Amino acid sequence: MIRRTAPAKINLDLFVTGRRADGYHELDSLVVFGVVADELALAPADELTLTVEGPFADRVPHGESNLVLRAARLLAEWAARPAGARIRLTKRVPPAAGLGGGSSDAAQTLSGLAELWGLEMDLPTLLELAGELGADVPVCLWGRTARMRGIGERLDPVRGLPPLPLVLAGPGCELPTARVFEAFARSETPRPAARPPLPAEATLPVFGWWLGEGRNDLEATARRLCPGVEAVLRALRAAAGCLVARLSGSGPTCYGLFESPAAARAAARRLAGERPDWWVAQGVVETVG
């Protein structure tokens, strides 16, 4: 049996820098991974089956639209072999939350099945297949702190960041990525990224200042579609020790960067106690580039 961890993707900033002729938006975003993760277990089998368990199992599509099954069939087609595997997904990352859970699951399915089936594949080939599944799947396959640009196909490692004490909080609604981008396209205009150069070997306070100079261009759209986003951001920003609070990806999950792990733990406990209807998680992200 092959086991894979599929961590949440957290967009620390997100600049929408243009729109292509095919309608896709071009992005520039700093991405880290962690705090919460799904788990995949993959075993040999004659047929392809998927079982889903965990706290968000009931919110995962179980048919052929599921990205795990699509990834398995795509890899089998590339390898010209039957798509035989028994896959168990433990779903802990909330779906449609701006955390790339489905994309991360698909990425680790590709990697895990390549090993299970004994396929000799280099990373560029895996990344090319990942791109056929969705714009976020390549960076999730990369799985390390990165700057992603274009529609997600341009990945550059980012090194020298400190460990990041983060709190993730979501108001409970779902915001499918396509819906957010469609609403953004109707009301907003892409603009160039505007952030100062990233300081080398930045301390946490310096990195917090640098990050605060950025933005998430989808945040205003997400607030309109899900008013609970504004309440989450206010609560994070009001918490003791919060350096930056911002929407992650297309939302509705938001993150708070805190001055210490203790401050992050205290904020998460308070938010979870005061708002039991919110989803809250916390942890320290080790930013390996």
C-alpha atoms as a PDB file:
ATOM      1  CA  MET A   1       0.000   0.000   0.000  1.00  0.00           C
ATOM      2  CA  ILE A   2       1.195   3.497  -0.881  1.00  0.00           C
ATOM      3  CA  ARG A   3       0.333   6.361   1.449  1.00  0.00           C
ATOM      4  CA  ARG A   4       0.414  10.037   0.571  1.00  0.00           C
ATOM      5  CA  THR A   5      -0.274  13.233   2.520  1.00  0.00           C
ATOM      6  CA  ALA A   6      -2.121  15.958   0.580  1.00  0.00           C
ATOM      7  CA  PRO A   7      -1.634  19.237   2.478  1.00  0.00           C
ATOM      8  CA  ALA A   8      -3.756  22.347   2.138  1.00  0.00           C
ATOM      9  CA  LYS A   9      -2.493  25.008  -0.256  1.00  0.00           C
ATOM     10  CA  ILE A  10      -2.465  28.478   1.301  1.00  0.00           C
ATOM     11  CA  ASN A  11      -2.161  31.506  -0.991  1.00  0.00           C
ATOM     12  CA  LEU A  12      -0.445  34.133   1.159  1.00  0.00           C
ATOM     13  CA  ASP A  13      -1.112  36.714  -1.532  1.00  0.00           C
ATOM     14  CA  LEU A  14      -2.781  36.584  -4.932  1.00  0.00           C
ATOM     15  CA  PHE A  15      -2.445  39.130  -7.709  1.00  0.00           C
ATOM     16  CA  VAL A  16      -4.671  38.792 -10.775  1.00  0.00           C
ATOM     17  CA  THR A  17      -2.357  40.270 -13.389  1.00  0.00           C
ATOM     18  CA  GLY A  18      -4.177  39.678 -16.670  1.00  0.00           C
ATOM     19  CA  ARG A  19      -6.734  37.739 -18.632  1.00  0.00           C
ATOM     20  CA  ARG A  20      -5.909  35.543 -21.604  1.00  0.00           C
ATOM     21  CA  ALA A  21      -7.839  35.278 -24.830  1.00  0.00           C
ATOM     22  CA  ASP A  22      -9.201  31.882 -23.725  1.00  0.00           C
ATOM     23  CA  GLY A  23     -10.757  33.505 -20.651  1.00  0.00           C
ATOM     24  CA  TYR A  24      -8.323  32.183 -18.052  1.00  0.00           C
ATOM     25  CA  HIS A  25      -6.858  34.702 -15.610  1.00  0.00           C
ATOM     26  CA  GLU A  26      -3.129  35.028 -15.071  1.00  0.00           C
ATOM     27  CA  LEU A  27      -1.926  35.102 -11.479  1.00  0.00           C
ATOM     28  CA  ASP A  28       1.104  35.858  -9.366  1.00  0.00           C
ATOM     29  CA  SER A  29       0.913  34.220  -5.943  1.00  0.00           C
ATOM     30  CA  LEU A  30       3.105  33.101  -3.048  1.00  0.00           C
ATOM     31  CA  VAL A  31       1.979  29.653  -1.918  1.00  0.00           C
ATOM     32  CA  VAL A  32       2.787  27.566   1.145  1.00  0.00           C
ATOM     33  CA  PHE A  33       1.507  24.170   2.277  1.00  0.00           C
ATOM     34  CA  GLY A  34       0.372  22.805   5.610  1.00  0.00           C
ATOM     35  CA  VAL A  35      -1.706  23.290   8.784  1.00  0.00           C
ATOM     36  CA  VAL A  36      -4.201  20.612   7.702  1.00  0.00           C
ATOM     37  CA  ALA A  37      -3.976  17.763   5.194  1.00  0.00           C
ATOM     38  CA  ASP A  38      -5.940  14.983   3.544  1.00  0.00           C
ATOM     39  CA  GLU A  39      -4.587  11.433   3.536  1.00  0.00           C
ATOM     40  CA  LEU A  40      -4.540   8.972   0.650  1.00  0.00           C
ATOM     41  CA  ALA A  41      -3.996   5.218   0.814  1.00  0.00           C
ATOM     42  CA  LEU A  42      -3.565   3.443  -2.528  1.00  0.00           C
ATOM     43  CA  ALA A  43      -3.473  -0.347  -2.957  1.00  0.00           C
ATOM     44  CA  PRO A  44      -3.341  -2.715  -5.951  1.00  0.00           C
ATOM     45  CA  ALA A  45      -6.701  -3.828  -7.366  1.00  0.00           C
ATOM     46  CA  ASP A  46      -8.185  -5.071 -10.629  1.00  0.00           C
ATOM     47  CA  GLU A  47     -10.639  -2.167 -10.826  1.00  0.00           C
ATOM     48  CA  LEU A  48     -10.566   1.492  -9.813  1.00  0.00           C
ATOM     49  CA  THR A  49     -12.524   2.247  -6.645  1.00  0.00           C
ATOM     50  CA  LEU A  50     -12.612   5.222  -4.295  1.00  0.00           C
ATOM     51  CA  THR A  51     -13.895   5.379  -0.737  1.00  0.00           C
ATOM     52  CA  VAL A  52     -14.013   8.655   1.169  1.00  0.00           C
ATOM     53  CA  GLU A  53     -14.037   9.102   4.911  1.00  0.00           C
ATOM     54  CA  GLY A  54     -13.233  11.869   7.368  1.00  0.00           C
ATOM     55  CA  PRO A  55     -15.012  15.019   8.553  1.00  0.00           C
ATOM     56  CA  PHE A  56     -15.732  16.338   5.057  1.00  0.00           C
ATOM     57  CA  ALA A  57     -16.508  13.046   3.309  1.00  0.00           C
ATOM     58  CA  ASP A  58     -20.136  14.004   2.702  1.00  0.00           C
ATOM     59  CA  ARG A  59     -19.103  17.125   0.759  1.00  0.00           C
ATOM     60  CA  VAL A  60     -16.868  15.342  -1.746  1.00  0.00           C
ATOM     61  CA  PRO A  61     -18.224  14.352  -5.188  1.00  0.00           C
ATOM     62  CA  HIS A  62     -18.129  10.571  -5.427  1.00  0.00           C
ATOM     63  CA  GLY A  63     -18.687  10.208  -9.175  1.00  0.00           C
ATOM     64  CA  GLU A  64     -16.403  10.685 -12.164  1.00  0.00           C
ATOM     65  CA  SER A  65     -16.151  14.417 -11.472  1.00  0.00           C
ATOM     66  CA  ASN A  66     -13.986  13.606  -8.449  1.00  0.00           C
ATOM     67  CA  LEU A  67     -10.443  14.789  -9.177  1.00  0.00           C
ATOM     68  CA  VAL A  68      -8.888  11.703  -7.589  1.00  0.00           C
ATOM     69  CA  LEU A  69     -10.679   9.418 -10.063  1.00  0.00           C
ATOM     70  CA  ARG A  70      -9.918  11.770 -12.954  1.00  0.00           C
ATOM     71  CA  ALA A  71      -6.233  11.766 -12.008  1.00  0.00           C
ATOM     72  CA  ALA A  72      -6.152   7.966 -11.848  1.00  0.00           C
ATOM     73  CA  ARG A  73      -7.801   7.589 -15.254  1.00  0.00           C
ATOM     74  CA  LEU A  74      -5.554  10.226 -16.825  1.00  0.00           C
ATOM     75  CA  LEU A  75      -2.412   8.485 -15.567  1.00  0.00           C
ATOM     76  CA  ALA A  76      -3.680   5.082 -16.715  1.00  0.00           C
ATOM     77  CA  GLU A  77      -4.401   6.498 -20.172  1.00  0.00           C
ATOM     78  CA  TRP A  78      -0.889   8.003 -20.348  1.00  0.00           C
ATOM     79  CA  ALA A  79       0.652   4.681 -19.284  1.00  0.00           C
ATOM     80  CA  ALA A  80      -1.631   2.631 -21.587  1.00  0.00           C
ATOM     81  CA  ARG A  81      -2.602   0.343 -18.740  1.00  0.00           C
ATOM     82  CA  PRO A  82      -5.808  -0.502 -16.833  1.00  0.00           C
ATOM     83  CA  ALA A  83      -6.790   1.970 -14.146  1.00  0.00           C
ATOM     84  CA  GLY A  84      -6.726  -0.569 -11.335  1.00  0.00           C
ATOM     85  CA  ALA A  85      -6.360   0.645  -7.751  1.00  0.00           C
ATOM     86  CA  ARG A  86      -8.226   0.745  -4.470  1.00  0.00           C
ATOM     87  CA  ILE A  87      -8.033   4.299  -3.141  1.00  0.00           C
ATOM     88  CA  ARG A  88      -9.093   5.498   0.293  1.00  0.00           C
ATOM     89  CA  LEU A  89      -9.283   9.274   0.841  1.00  0.00           C
ATOM     90  CA  THR A  90      -9.508  10.732   4.340  1.00  0.00           C
ATOM     91  CA  LYS A  91     -10.901  14.213   3.785  1.00  0.00           C
ATOM     92  CA  ARG A  92      -9.846  16.817   6.376  1.00  0.00           C
ATOM     93  CA  VAL A  93      -9.399  19.866   4.129  1.00  0.00           C
ATOM     94  CA  PRO A  94     -12.795  21.522   3.570  1.00  0.00           C
ATOM     95  CA  PRO A  95     -13.895  21.497  -0.104  1.00  0.00           C
ATOM     96  CA  ALA A  96     -14.465  24.713  -2.083  1.00  0.00           C
ATOM     97  CA  ALA A  97     -12.629  26.634   0.629  1.00  0.00           C
ATOM     98  CA  GLY A  98      -9.727  28.274  -1.207  1.00  0.00           C
ATOM     99  CA  LEU A  99      -7.267  25.679   0.122  1.00  0.00           C
ATOM    100  CA  GLY A 100      -6.767  23.550  -2.993  1.00  0.00           C
ATOM    101  CA  GLY A 101      -7.875  20.352  -1.272  1.00  0.00           C
ATOM    102  CA  GLY A 102      -9.137  18.623  -4.398  1.00  0.00           C
ATOM    103  CA  SER A 103      -6.092  19.735  -6.374  1.00  0.00           C
ATOM    104  CA  SER A 104      -3.750  18.434  -3.685  1.00  0.00           C
ATOM    105  CA  ASP A 105      -5.620  15.111  -3.625  1.00  0.00           C
ATOM    106  CA  ALA A 106      -5.282  14.812  -7.400  1.00  0.00           C
ATOM    107  CA  ALA A 107      -1.587  15.669  -7.299  1.00  0.00           C
ATOM    108  CA  GLN A 108      -0.836  13.012  -4.697  1.00  0.00           C
ATOM    109  CA  THR A 109      -2.951  10.490  -6.593  1.00  0.00           C
ATOM    110  CA  LEU A 110      -0.723  10.988  -9.636  1.00  0.00           C
ATOM    111  CA  SER A 111       2.433  10.636  -7.559  1.00  0.00           C
ATOM    112  CA  GLY A 112       1.175   7.688  -5.527  1.00  0.00           C
ATOM    113  CA  LEU A 113      -0.177   5.708  -8.457  1.00  0.00           C
ATOM    114  CA  ALA A 114       2.999   6.284 -10.468  1.00  0.00           C
ATOM    115  CA  GLU A 115       4.844   4.542  -7.632  1.00  0.00           C
ATOM    116  CA  LEU A 116       2.185   1.855  -7.135  1.00  0.00           C
ATOM    117  CA  TRP A 117       2.156   0.985 -10.828  1.00  0.00           C
ATOM    118  CA  GLY A 118       5.953   1.089 -11.174  1.00  0.00           C
ATOM    119  CA  LEU A 119       5.921   3.850 -13.765  1.00  0.00           C
ATOM    120  CA  GLU A 120       9.190   5.588 -14.563  1.00  0.00           C
ATOM    121  CA  MET A 121       8.138   9.244 -14.743  1.00  0.00           C
ATOM    122  CA  ASP A 122      10.194  12.355 -14.225  1.00  0.00           C
ATOM    123  CA  LEU A 123       8.807  15.446 -12.492  1.00  0.00           C
ATOM    124  CA  PRO A 124       8.286  17.484 -15.718  1.00  0.00           C
ATOM    125  CA  THR A 125       6.071  14.704 -17.116  1.00  0.00           C
ATOM    126  CA  LEU A 126       4.065  14.497 -13.909  1.00  0.00           C
ATOM    127  CA  LEU A 127       3.705  18.282 -13.855  1.00  0.00           C
ATOM    128  CA  GLU A 128       2.448  18.267 -17.454  1.00  0.00           C
ATOM    129  CA  LEU A 129      -0.219  15.689 -16.592  1.00  0.00           C
ATOM    130  CA  ALA A 130      -1.108  17.648 -13.464  1.00  0.00           C
ATOM    131  CA  GLY A 131      -1.772  20.733 -15.562  1.00  0.00           C
ATOM    132  CA  GLU A 132      -4.420  18.840 -17.518  1.00  0.00           C
ATOM    133  CA  LEU A 133      -6.397  18.370 -14.302  1.00  0.00           C
ATOM    134  CA  GLY A 134      -6.475  21.979 -13.143  1.00  0.00           C
ATOM    135  CA  ALA A 135      -4.448  25.144 -12.674  1.00  0.00           C
ATOM    136  CA  ASP A 136      -3.604  24.410  -9.009  1.00  0.00           C
ATOM    137  CA  VAL A 137      -2.636  20.756  -9.431  1.00  0.00           C
ATOM    138  CA  PRO A 138       0.975  21.403 -10.616  1.00  0.00           C
ATOM    139  CA  VAL A 139       1.885  23.549  -7.596  1.00  0.00           C
ATOM    140  CA  CYS A 140       0.253  20.976  -5.308  1.00  0.00           C
ATOM    141  CA  LEU A 141       2.352  18.255  -6.947  1.00  0.00           C
ATOM    142  CA  TRP A 142       5.422  20.483  -6.412  1.00  0.00           C
ATOM    143  CA  GLY A 143       4.307  20.665  -2.782  1.00  0.00           C
ATOM    144  CA  ARG A 144       6.815  23.250  -1.572  1.00  0.00           C
ATOM    145  CA  THR A 145       6.819  26.980  -0.952  1.00  0.00           C
ATOM    146  CA  ALA A 146       6.649  28.554  -4.391  1.00  0.00           C
ATOM    147  CA  ARG A 147       5.796  31.558  -6.442  1.00  0.00           C
ATOM    148  CA  MET A 148       3.237  30.496  -9.028  1.00  0.00           C
ATOM    149  CA  ARG A 149       2.538  32.582 -12.102  1.00  0.00           C
ATOM    150  CA  GLY A 150       0.696  32.421 -15.394  1.00  0.00           C
ATOM    151  CA  ILE A 151      -2.291  30.123 -14.938  1.00  0.00           C
ATOM    152  CA  GLY A 152      -0.242  28.049 -12.499  1.00  0.00           C
ATOM    153  CA  GLU A 153       2.286  26.542 -14.891  1.00  0.00           C
ATOM    154  CA  ARG A 154       5.227  28.796 -13.926  1.00  0.00           C
ATOM    155  CA  LEU A 155       6.658  27.659 -10.592  1.00  0.00           C
ATOM    156  CA  ASP A 156       9.689  29.081  -8.835  1.00  0.00           C
ATOM    157  CA  PRO A 157      10.979  27.905  -5.437  1.00  0.00           C
ATOM    158  CA  VAL A 158      11.007  30.490  -2.647  1.00  0.00           C
ATOM    159  CA  ARG A 159      13.595  29.998   0.086  1.00  0.00           C
ATOM    160  CA  GLY A 160      14.658  31.802   3.221  1.00  0.00           C
ATOM    161  CA  LEU A 161      11.250  32.297   4.822  1.00  0.00           C
ATOM    162  CA  PRO A 162      10.799  31.739   8.569  1.00  0.00           C
ATOM    163  CA  PRO A 163       8.382  29.160  10.001  1.00  0.00           C
ATOM    164  CA  LEU A 164       4.885  30.655   9.822  1.00  0.00           C
ATOM    165  CA  PRO A 165       2.442  30.335  12.749  1.00  0.00           C
ATOM    166  CA  LEU A 166      -0.918  30.369  10.968  1.00  0.00           C
ATOM    167  CA  VAL A 167      -4.579  30.224  11.902  1.00  0.00           C
ATOM    168  CA  LEU A 168      -7.051  29.194   9.211  1.00  0.00           C
ATOM    169  CA  ALA A 169     -10.705  30.107   9.605  1.00  0.00           C
ATOM    170  CA  GLY A 170     -13.707  29.762   7.313  1.00  0.00           C
ATOM    171  CA  PRO A 171     -17.291  30.982   7.770  1.00  0.00           C
ATOM    172  CA  GLY A 172     -18.863  27.725   6.635  1.00  0.00           C
ATOM    173  CA  CYS A 173     -20.012  28.639   3.121  1.00  0.00           C
ATOM    174  CA  GLU A 174     -18.517  27.143  -0.046  1.00  0.00           C
ATOM    175  CA  LEU A 175     -17.088  29.292  -2.847  1.00  0.00           C
ATOM    176  CA  PRO A 176     -16.270  27.282  -5.970  1.00  0.00           C
ATOM    177  CA  THR A 177     -13.244  28.802  -7.675  1.00  0.00           C
ATOM    178  CA  ALA A 178     -14.980  29.179 -11.043  1.00  0.00           C
ATOM    179  CA  ARG A 179     -17.816  31.157  -9.464  1.00  0.00           C
ATOM    180  CA  VAL A 180     -15.400  33.600  -7.820  1.00  0.00           C
ATOM    181  CA  PHE A 181     -13.411  34.195 -11.004  1.00  0.00           C
ATOM    182  CA  GLU A 182     -16.594  34.670 -13.034  1.00  0.00           C
ATOM    183  CA  ALA A 183     -17.809  37.315 -10.566  1.00  0.00           C
ATOM    184  CA  PHE A 184     -14.359  38.937 -10.505  1.00  0.00           C
ATOM    185  CA  ALA A 185     -14.342  39.181 -14.299  1.00  0.00           C
ATOM    186  CA  ARG A 186     -17.673  41.027 -14.264  1.00  0.00           C
ATOM    187  CA  SER A 187     -16.644  43.662 -11.724  1.00  0.00           C
ATOM    188  CA  GLU A 188     -12.853  43.960 -11.467  1.00  0.00           C
ATOM    189  CA  THR A 189      -9.920  44.743 -13.746  1.00  0.00           C
ATOM    190  CA  PRO A 190      -6.629  42.831 -13.514  1.00  0.00           C
ATOM    191  CA  ARG A 191      -3.680  44.995 -12.494  1.00  0.00           C
ATOM    192  CA  PRO A 192       0.068  44.467 -12.125  1.00  0.00           C
ATOM    193  CA  ALA A 193       1.499  42.871  -9.023  1.00  0.00           C
ATOM    194  CA  ALA A 194       2.843  45.482  -6.617  1.00  0.00           C
ATOM    195  CA  ARG A 195       4.997  44.091  -3.848  1.00  0.00           C
ATOM    196  CA  PRO A 196       8.469  45.100  -2.679  1.00  0.00           C
ATOM    197  CA  PRO A 197      11.330  42.619  -3.209  1.00  0.00           C
ATOM    198  CA  LEU A 198      11.240  39.765  -0.718  1.00  0.00           C
ATOM    199  CA  PRO A 199      13.930  40.343   1.934  1.00  0.00           C
ATOM    200  CA  ALA A 200      16.584  37.635   2.077  1.00  0.00           C
ATOM    201  CA  GLU A 201      16.382  35.414   5.179  1.00  0.00           C
ATOM    202  CA  ALA A 202      13.560  37.529   6.607  1.00  0.00           C
ATOM    203  CA  THR A 203      12.619  37.315  10.266  1.00  0.00           C
ATOM    204  CA  LEU A 204       8.956  36.707  11.044  1.00  0.00           C
ATOM    205  CA  PRO A 205       8.203  40.416  11.799  1.00  0.00           C
ATOM    206  CA  VAL A 206       9.965  41.513   8.604  1.00  0.00           C
ATOM    207  CA  PHE A 207       8.164  38.897   6.551  1.00  0.00           C
ATOM    208  CA  GLY A 208       4.874  39.947   8.135  1.00  0.00           C
ATOM    209  CA  TRP A 209       5.528  43.549   7.097  1.00  0.00           C
ATOM    210  CA  TRP A 210       6.442  42.450   3.558  1.00  0.00           C
ATOM    211  CA  LEU A 211       3.353  40.280   3.275  1.00  0.00           C
ATOM    212  CA  GLY A 212       1.160  43.104   4.533  1.00  0.00           C
ATOM    213  CA  GLU A 213       2.243  45.202   1.558  1.00  0.00           C
ATOM    214  CA  GLY A 214       0.590  42.714  -0.790  1.00  0.00           C
ATOM    215  CA  ARG A 215      -3.034  41.812  -1.444  1.00  0.00           C
ATOM    216  CA  ASN A 216      -5.460  39.168  -2.623  1.00  0.00           C
ATOM    217  CA  ASP A 217      -7.295  40.575  -5.634  1.00  0.00           C
ATOM    218  CA  LEU A 218     -10.161  38.088  -5.142  1.00  0.00           C
ATOM    219  CA  GLU A 219     -10.903  39.240  -1.598  1.00  0.00           C
ATOM    220  CA  ALA A 220     -13.464  41.923  -2.453  1.00  0.00           C
ATOM    221  CA  THR A 221     -15.328  39.522  -4.736  1.00  0.00           C
ATOM    222  CA  ALA A 222     -15.323  36.782  -2.104  1.00  0.00           C
ATOM    223  CA  ARG A 223     -16.701  39.208   0.497  1.00  0.00           C
ATOM    224  CA  ARG A 224     -19.604  40.069  -1.808  1.00  0.00           C
ATOM    225  CA  LEU A 225     -20.405  36.423  -2.495  1.00  0.00           C
ATOM    226  CA  CYS A 226     -19.986  35.306   1.110  1.00  0.00           C
ATOM    227  CA  PRO A 227     -20.431  38.133   3.654  1.00  0.00           C
ATOM    228  CA  GLY A 228     -19.090  35.855   6.382  1.00  0.00           C
ATOM    229  CA  VAL A 229     -15.597  36.391   4.966  1.00  0.00           C
ATOM    230  CA  GLU A 230     -15.592  39.946   6.321  1.00  0.00           C
ATOM    231  CA  ALA A 231     -16.475  38.725   9.812  1.00  0.00           C
ATOM    232  CA  VAL A 232     -13.661  36.171   9.741  1.00  0.00           C
ATOM    233  CA  LEU A 233     -11.122  38.769   8.621  1.00  0.00           C
ATOM    234  CA  ARG A 234     -12.222  41.192  11.340  1.00  0.00           C
ATOM    235  CA  ALA A 235     -11.924  38.508  14.006  1.00  0.00           C
ATOM    236  CA  LEU A 236      -8.450  37.458  12.870  1.00  0.00           C
ATOM    237  CA  ARG A 237      -7.180  41.027  12.659  1.00  0.00           C
ATOM    238  CA  ALA A 238      -8.494  41.773  16.142  1.00  0.00           C
ATOM    239  CA  ALA A 239      -6.727  38.760  17.676  1.00  0.00           C
ATOM    240  CA  ALA A 240      -3.663  39.455  19.823  1.00  0.00           C
ATOM    241  CA  GLY A 241      -0.430  38.912  17.928  1.00  0.00           C
ATOM    242  CA  CYS A 242      -1.900  38.875  14.420  1.00  0.00           C
ATOM    243  CA  LEU A 243       0.550  40.337  11.907  1.00  0.00           C
ATOM    244  CA  VAL A 244      -1.501  39.886   8.711  1.00  0.00           C
ATOM    245  CA  ALA A 245      -4.959  38.487   7.926  1.00  0.00           C
ATOM    246  CA  ARG A 246      -6.096  37.806   4.382  1.00  0.00           C
ATOM    247  CA  LEU A 247      -8.258  35.610   2.190  1.00  0.00           C
ATOM    248  CA  SER A 248      -6.561  32.434   0.931  1.00  0.00           C
ATOM    249  CA  GLY A 249      -7.028  31.747  -2.766  1.00  0.00           C
ATOM    250  CA  SER A 250     -10.619  32.214  -3.885  1.00  0.00           C
ATOM    251  CA  GLY A 251     -11.877  31.725  -0.317  1.00  0.00           C
ATOM    252  CA  PRO A 252     -13.865  31.657   1.784  1.00  0.00           C
ATOM    253  CA  THR A 253     -11.096  30.441   4.117  1.00  0.00           C
ATOM    254  CA  CYS A 254      -8.924  33.213   5.518  1.00  0.00           C
ATOM    255  CA  TYR A 255      -5.577  32.975   7.262  1.00  0.00           C
ATOM    256  CA  GLY A 256      -3.947  34.934  10.037  1.00  0.00           C
ATOM    257  CA  LEU A 257      -0.165  35.089  10.383  1.00  0.00           C
ATOM    258  CA  PHE A 258       0.792  35.403  14.057  1.00  0.00           C
ATOM    259  CA  GLU A 259       3.863  36.597  15.920  1.00  0.00           C
ATOM    260  CA  SER A 260       4.331  33.244  17.674  1.00  0.00           C
ATOM    261  CA  PRO A 261       2.902  29.707  17.791  1.00  0.00           C
ATOM    262  CA  ALA A 262       1.488  30.454  21.248  1.00  0.00           C
ATOM    263  CA  ALA A 263      -0.388  33.490  19.909  1.00  0.00           C
ATOM    264  CA  ALA A 264      -1.755  31.407  17.031  1.00  0.00           C
ATOM    265  CA  ARG A 265      -2.939  28.651  19.393  1.00  0.00           C
ATOM    266  CA  ALA A 266      -4.637  31.160  21.679  1.00  0.00           C
ATOM    267  CA  ALA A 267      -6.380  32.877  18.770  1.00  0.00           C
ATOM    268  CA  ALA A 268      -7.578  29.557  17.335  1.00  0.00           C
ATOM    269  CA  ARG A 269      -8.987  28.451  20.697  1.00  0.00           C
ATOM    270  CA  ARG A 270     -10.806  31.735  21.120  1.00  0.00           C
ATOM    271  CA  LEU A 271     -12.259  31.744  17.597  1.00  0.00           C
ATOM    272  CA  ALA A 272     -13.392  28.129  17.859  1.00  0.00           C
ATOM    273  CA  GLY A 273     -15.026  28.846  21.215  1.00  0.00           C
ATOM    274  CA  GLU A 274     -16.755  32.040  20.128  1.00  0.00           C
ATOM    275  CA  ARG A 275     -17.807  30.845  16.678  1.00  0.00           C
ATOM    276  CA  PRO A 276     -18.527  27.107  16.727  1.00  0.00           C
ATOM    277  CA  ASP A 277     -20.165  27.494  13.303  1.00  0.00           C
ATOM    278  CA  TRP A 278     -16.774  28.396  11.770  1.00  0.00           C
ATOM    279  CA  TRP A 279     -14.107  25.925  10.692  1.00  0.00           C
ATOM    280  CA  VAL A 280     -10.858  26.751  12.505  1.00  0.00           C
ATOM    281  CA  ALA A 281      -7.392  25.143  12.364  1.00  0.00           C
ATOM    282  CA  GLN A 282      -3.917  26.257  13.365  1.00  0.00           C
ATOM    283  CA  GLY A 283      -0.328  25.136  12.971  1.00  0.00           C
ATOM    284  CA  VAL A 284       3.187  26.175  12.057  1.00  0.00           C
ATOM    285  CA  VAL A 285       4.101  25.914   8.379  1.00  0.00           C
ATOM    286  CA  GLU A 286       7.704  25.021   7.710  1.00  0.00           C
ATOM    287  CA  THR A 287       8.437  26.938   4.504  1.00  0.00           C
ATOM    288  CA  VAL A 288      10.676  24.576   2.570  1.00  0.00           C
ATOM    289  CA  GLY A 289      11.336  25.974  -0.909  1.00  0.00           C
END
